[in-house]
């Protein structure tokens, strides 16, 4: 069964690529959404791997912001998701240690 958000995302990305065929970001995202909708494991396609790598980078950036705002639980959740995609990401690992330490300190441990 297709997720309505995927259908909407695909439709919008198709329009974005039609307007700007040189938009690499839209093309990459379209490939990832299309693969997911087709039931293809994202890690089994080049477009899917690119999509996942970009998602991990986005999650790390959001985690960095959450950590700066003192939202350690959110930061840790985002970093876990990023590390599930890219277990070797050194930045995510480092931020995880920092976020967990700051969370413990904020709880008085």
N, C-alpha and C. Protein backbone atom coordinates (compact mmCIF):
# COMPACT_ATOMS: atom_id res chain seq x y z
N UNK A 1 0.84 -1.18 0.00
CA UNK A 1 0.00 0.00 0.00
C UNK A 1 0.89 1.25 0.00
N UNK A 2 0.56 2.22 -0.83
CA UNK A 2 1.35 3.43 -0.93
C UNK A 2 0.95 4.43 0.13
N UNK A 3 1.93 5.11 0.65
CA UNK A 3 1.71 6.17 1.62
C UNK A 3 1.31 7.43 0.86
N UNK A 4 0.24 8.10 1.30
CA UNK A 4 -0.23 9.32 0.63
C UNK A 4 0.83 10.40 0.58
N UNK A 5 1.69 10.46 1.61
CA UNK A 5 2.76 11.45 1.61
C UNK A 5 3.76 11.16 0.50
N UNK A 6 4.03 9.89 0.23
CA UNK A 6 4.94 9.53 -0.86
C UNK A 6 4.36 9.94 -2.21
N UNK A 7 3.07 9.71 -2.39
CA UNK A 7 2.42 10.07 -3.65
C UNK A 7 2.49 11.58 -3.85
N UNK A 8 2.16 12.32 -2.82
CA UNK A 8 2.22 13.78 -2.90
C UNK A 8 3.64 14.25 -3.16
N UNK A 9 4.59 13.69 -2.42
CA UNK A 9 5.99 14.07 -2.60
C UNK A 9 6.45 13.78 -4.03
N UNK A 10 6.11 12.60 -4.53
CA UNK A 10 6.52 12.25 -5.89
C UNK A 10 5.92 13.22 -6.90
N UNK A 11 4.64 13.53 -6.76
CA UNK A 11 3.99 14.46 -7.69
C UNK A 11 4.67 15.83 -7.67
N UNK A 12 4.98 16.33 -6.49
CA UNK A 12 5.63 17.63 -6.38
C UNK A 12 7.05 17.59 -6.94
N UNK A 13 7.75 16.49 -6.70
CA UNK A 13 9.11 16.38 -7.23
C UNK A 13 9.13 16.25 -8.75
N UNK A 14 8.16 15.55 -9.30
CA UNK A 14 8.05 15.46 -10.76
C UNK A 14 7.88 16.86 -11.34
N UNK A 15 7.01 17.66 -10.73
CA UNK A 15 6.80 19.03 -11.20
C UNK A 15 8.07 19.85 -11.07
N UNK A 16 8.79 19.68 -9.95
CA UNK A 16 10.03 20.43 -9.75
C UNK A 16 11.06 20.09 -10.82
N UNK A 17 11.17 18.81 -11.16
CA UNK A 17 12.12 18.39 -12.19
C UNK A 17 11.68 18.88 -13.57
N UNK A 18 10.38 18.91 -13.81
CA UNK A 18 9.89 19.43 -15.08
C UNK A 18 10.23 20.92 -15.22
N UNK A 19 10.10 21.67 -14.13
CA UNK A 19 10.40 23.10 -14.15
C UNK A 19 11.90 23.33 -14.27
N UNK A 20 12.69 22.55 -13.54
CA UNK A 20 14.14 22.73 -13.53
C UNK A 20 14.82 21.36 -13.65
N UNK A 21 15.00 20.89 -14.89
CA UNK A 21 15.60 19.56 -15.09
C UNK A 21 17.03 19.44 -14.55
N UNK A 22 17.68 20.56 -14.28
CA UNK A 22 19.06 20.54 -13.77
C UNK A 22 19.11 20.47 -12.24
N UNK A 23 17.95 20.46 -11.60
CA UNK A 23 17.89 20.44 -10.15
C UNK A 23 18.26 19.04 -9.64
N UNK A 24 19.52 18.87 -9.31
CA UNK A 24 20.02 17.58 -8.87
C UNK A 24 19.38 17.09 -7.57
N UNK A 25 19.10 18.02 -6.68
CA UNK A 25 18.48 17.67 -5.40
C UNK A 25 17.09 17.08 -5.63
N UNK A 26 16.30 17.73 -6.47
CA UNK A 26 14.95 17.23 -6.75
C UNK A 26 15.01 15.88 -7.46
N UNK A 27 15.95 15.73 -8.39
CA UNK A 27 16.09 14.45 -9.12
C UNK A 27 16.49 13.32 -8.16
N UNK A 28 17.40 13.62 -7.24
CA UNK A 28 17.86 12.62 -6.27
C UNK A 28 16.70 12.21 -5.36
N UNK A 29 15.97 13.20 -4.87
CA UNK A 29 14.85 12.90 -3.99
C UNK A 29 13.76 12.13 -4.74
N UNK A 30 13.52 12.50 -5.99
CA UNK A 30 12.52 11.79 -6.79
C UNK A 30 12.91 10.33 -6.95
N UNK A 31 14.19 10.07 -7.18
CA UNK A 31 14.65 8.70 -7.30
C UNK A 31 14.42 7.90 -6.02
N UNK A 32 14.69 8.53 -4.88
CA UNK A 32 14.49 7.85 -3.60
C UNK A 32 13.03 7.55 -3.32
N UNK A 33 12.17 8.54 -3.55
CA UNK A 33 10.73 8.35 -3.30
C UNK A 33 10.16 7.31 -4.26
N UNK A 34 10.56 7.38 -5.53
CA UNK A 34 10.06 6.43 -6.52
C UNK A 34 10.48 5.01 -6.16
N UNK A 35 11.72 4.84 -5.74
CA UNK A 35 12.21 3.52 -5.35
C UNK A 35 11.43 2.99 -4.15
N UNK A 36 11.22 3.85 -3.18
CA UNK A 36 10.47 3.43 -1.99
C UNK A 36 9.05 3.02 -2.35
N UNK A 37 8.42 3.80 -3.24
CA UNK A 37 7.05 3.49 -3.66
C UNK A 37 6.99 2.17 -4.42
N UNK A 38 8.05 1.85 -5.14
CA UNK A 38 8.08 0.62 -5.92
C UNK A 38 8.41 -0.59 -5.05
N UNK A 39 8.68 -0.35 -3.79
CA UNK A 39 8.99 -1.45 -2.89
C UNK A 39 10.43 -1.90 -2.99
N UNK A 40 11.25 -1.10 -3.65
CA UNK A 40 12.66 -1.41 -3.79
C UNK A 40 13.37 -0.93 -2.53
N UNK A 41 14.22 -1.77 -2.01
CA UNK A 41 15.00 -1.34 -0.86
C UNK A 41 15.92 -0.22 -1.31
N UNK A 42 15.87 0.90 -0.63
CA UNK A 42 16.63 2.07 -1.06
C UNK A 42 18.12 1.79 -1.17
N UNK A 43 18.63 0.96 -0.28
CA UNK A 43 20.07 0.69 -0.31
C UNK A 43 20.48 -0.17 -1.51
N UNK A 44 19.50 -0.69 -2.25
CA UNK A 44 19.81 -1.52 -3.42
C UNK A 44 19.92 -0.73 -4.71
N UNK A 45 19.68 0.57 -4.66
CA UNK A 45 19.79 1.40 -5.87
C UNK A 45 20.72 2.57 -5.59
N UNK A 46 21.38 3.05 -6.63
CA UNK A 46 22.27 4.19 -6.48
C UNK A 46 21.49 5.41 -6.00
N UNK A 47 20.35 5.68 -6.63
CA UNK A 47 19.53 6.83 -6.22
C UNK A 47 19.08 6.67 -4.77
N UNK A 48 18.74 5.45 -4.39
CA UNK A 48 18.31 5.20 -3.01
C UNK A 48 19.43 5.43 -2.02
N UNK A 49 20.64 4.98 -2.36
CA UNK A 49 21.78 5.19 -1.46
C UNK A 49 22.07 6.68 -1.32
N UNK A 50 21.99 7.42 -2.42
CA UNK A 50 22.20 8.88 -2.36
C UNK A 50 21.14 9.54 -1.49
N UNK A 51 19.91 9.11 -1.67
CA UNK A 51 18.79 9.65 -0.88
C UNK A 51 19.03 9.40 0.61
N UNK A 52 19.41 8.17 0.94
CA UNK A 52 19.63 7.82 2.34
C UNK A 52 20.81 8.59 2.93
N UNK A 53 21.88 8.74 2.16
CA UNK A 53 23.04 9.48 2.65
C UNK A 53 22.65 10.93 2.94
N UNK A 54 21.86 11.51 2.06
CA UNK A 54 21.43 12.89 2.27
C UNK A 54 20.51 12.99 3.48
N UNK A 55 19.64 12.00 3.65
CA UNK A 55 18.76 11.99 4.81
C UNK A 55 19.58 11.95 6.10
N UNK A 56 20.64 11.15 6.12
CA UNK A 56 21.49 11.06 7.30
C UNK A 56 22.15 12.40 7.59
N UNK A 57 22.63 13.08 6.56
CA UNK A 57 23.25 14.40 6.73
C UNK A 57 22.23 15.39 7.29
N UNK A 58 21.01 15.35 6.76
CA UNK A 58 19.95 16.24 7.25
C UNK A 58 19.64 15.96 8.72
N UNK A 59 19.57 14.68 9.09
CA UNK A 59 19.27 14.31 10.48
C UNK A 59 20.37 14.80 11.41
N UNK A 60 21.61 14.70 10.97
CA UNK A 60 22.74 15.16 11.79
C UNK A 60 22.66 16.67 11.98
N UNK A 61 22.34 17.40 10.93
CA UNK A 61 22.21 18.86 11.04
C UNK A 61 21.08 19.23 12.01
N UNK A 62 19.97 18.54 11.91
CA UNK A 62 18.85 18.79 12.82
C UNK A 62 19.22 18.42 14.25
N UNK A 63 19.96 17.35 14.42
CA UNK A 63 20.40 16.93 15.75
C UNK A 63 21.33 17.97 16.36
N UNK A 64 22.20 18.54 15.54
CA UNK A 64 23.11 19.58 16.01
C UNK A 64 22.30 20.78 16.54
N UNK A 65 21.27 21.17 15.79
CA UNK A 65 20.41 22.28 16.21
C UNK A 65 19.64 21.94 17.49
N UNK A 66 19.10 20.74 17.53
CA UNK A 66 18.35 20.31 18.72
C UNK A 66 19.25 20.32 19.95
N UNK A 67 20.46 19.83 19.78
CA UNK A 67 21.41 19.80 20.90
C UNK A 67 21.73 21.22 21.36
N UNK A 68 21.93 22.14 20.42
CA UNK A 68 22.22 23.54 20.76
C UNK A 68 21.05 24.18 21.51
N UNK A 69 19.83 23.71 21.22
CA UNK A 69 18.64 24.22 21.89
C UNK A 69 18.31 23.49 23.19
N UNK A 70 19.18 22.55 23.57
CA UNK A 70 18.97 21.80 24.80
C UNK A 70 17.95 20.67 24.66
N UNK A 71 17.59 20.32 23.45
CA UNK A 71 16.64 19.23 23.20
C UNK A 71 17.43 17.93 22.97
N UNK A 72 17.99 17.42 24.04
CA UNK A 72 18.91 16.30 23.94
C UNK A 72 18.23 15.00 23.51
N UNK A 73 17.02 14.78 24.00
CA UNK A 73 16.30 13.56 23.62
C UNK A 73 16.03 13.54 22.11
N UNK A 74 15.62 14.67 21.57
CA UNK A 74 15.40 14.78 20.12
C UNK A 74 16.70 14.58 19.37
N UNK A 75 17.76 15.21 19.84
CA UNK A 75 19.07 15.07 19.18
C UNK A 75 19.50 13.60 19.15
N UNK A 76 19.35 12.92 20.26
CA UNK A 76 19.75 11.51 20.35
C UNK A 76 18.90 10.66 19.41
N UNK A 77 17.61 10.92 19.35
CA UNK A 77 16.73 10.18 18.45
C UNK A 77 17.15 10.37 16.99
N UNK A 78 17.42 11.60 16.61
CA UNK A 78 17.84 11.88 15.23
C UNK A 78 19.19 11.23 14.92
N UNK A 79 20.08 11.26 15.88
CA UNK A 79 21.40 10.66 15.66
C UNK A 79 21.31 9.14 15.56
N UNK A 80 20.41 8.53 16.32
CA UNK A 80 20.21 7.08 16.20
C UNK A 80 19.74 6.73 14.79
N UNK A 81 18.80 7.54 14.28
CA UNK A 81 18.30 7.30 12.92
C UNK A 81 19.40 7.49 11.89
N UNK A 82 20.21 8.54 12.06
CA UNK A 82 21.31 8.79 11.13
C UNK A 82 22.32 7.64 11.17
N UNK A 83 22.62 7.15 12.36
CA UNK A 83 23.57 6.04 12.49
C UNK A 83 23.00 4.72 11.98
N UNK A 84 21.69 4.58 11.99
CA UNK A 84 21.09 3.38 11.41
C UNK A 84 21.31 3.38 9.89
N UNK A 85 21.34 4.56 9.31
CA UNK A 85 21.58 4.68 7.86
C UNK A 85 23.07 4.56 7.57
N UNK A 86 23.89 5.24 8.38
CA UNK A 86 25.34 5.28 8.15
C UNK A 86 26.06 5.03 9.47
N UNK A 87 26.24 3.76 9.82
CA UNK A 87 26.84 3.42 11.12
C UNK A 87 28.29 3.88 11.29
N UNK A 88 28.95 4.25 10.22
CA UNK A 88 30.35 4.66 10.31
C UNK A 88 30.53 6.17 10.37
N UNK A 89 29.44 6.92 10.40
CA UNK A 89 29.53 8.38 10.36
C UNK A 89 30.16 8.91 11.66
N UNK A 90 31.38 9.41 11.53
CA UNK A 90 32.14 9.87 12.70
C UNK A 90 31.48 11.07 13.37
N UNK A 91 30.93 11.98 12.58
CA UNK A 91 30.29 13.16 13.17
C UNK A 91 29.08 12.76 14.00
N UNK A 92 28.27 11.84 13.48
CA UNK A 92 27.09 11.38 14.22
C UNK A 92 27.51 10.69 15.51
N UNK A 93 28.55 9.88 15.45
CA UNK A 93 29.03 9.19 16.65
C UNK A 93 29.50 10.19 17.71
N UNK A 94 30.25 11.18 17.27
CA UNK A 94 30.77 12.19 18.19
C UNK A 94 29.65 13.01 18.81
N UNK A 95 28.71 13.44 17.97
CA UNK A 95 27.56 14.19 18.48
C UNK A 95 26.72 13.36 19.44
N UNK A 96 26.62 12.06 19.19
CA UNK A 96 25.86 11.18 20.07
C UNK A 96 26.48 11.16 21.47
N UNK A 97 27.79 11.02 21.53
CA UNK A 97 28.48 11.00 22.83
C UNK A 97 28.22 12.32 23.56
N UNK A 98 28.34 13.42 22.82
CA UNK A 98 28.13 14.73 23.43
C UNK A 98 26.69 14.89 23.90
N UNK A 99 25.74 14.53 23.05
CA UNK A 99 24.32 14.67 23.40
C UNK A 99 23.97 13.82 24.62
N UNK A 100 24.47 12.59 24.67
CA UNK A 100 24.19 11.72 25.81
C UNK A 100 24.81 12.28 27.10
N UNK A 101 26.02 12.83 26.97
CA UNK A 101 26.68 13.43 28.14
C UNK A 101 25.90 14.65 28.63
N UNK A 102 25.52 15.51 27.71
CA UNK A 102 24.76 16.71 28.08
C UNK A 102 23.40 16.36 28.67
N UNK A 103 22.76 15.33 28.11
CA UNK A 103 21.47 14.90 28.65
C UNK A 103 21.64 14.41 30.09
N UNK A 104 22.66 13.61 30.33
CA UNK A 104 22.92 13.10 31.69
C UNK A 104 23.19 14.26 32.64
N UNK A 105 23.98 15.23 32.19
CA UNK A 105 24.30 16.39 33.04
C UNK A 105 23.05 17.20 33.34
N UNK A 106 22.18 17.34 32.34
CA UNK A 106 20.96 18.14 32.55
C UNK A 106 19.99 17.45 33.52
N UNK A 107 20.14 16.13 33.65
CA UNK A 107 19.28 15.38 34.57
C UNK A 107 19.91 15.26 35.95
N UNK A 108 21.12 15.80 36.08
CA UNK A 108 21.78 15.78 37.40
C UNK A 108 22.55 14.52 37.68
N UNK A 109 22.86 13.74 36.65
CA UNK A 109 23.63 12.51 36.88
C UNK A 109 25.11 12.77 36.80
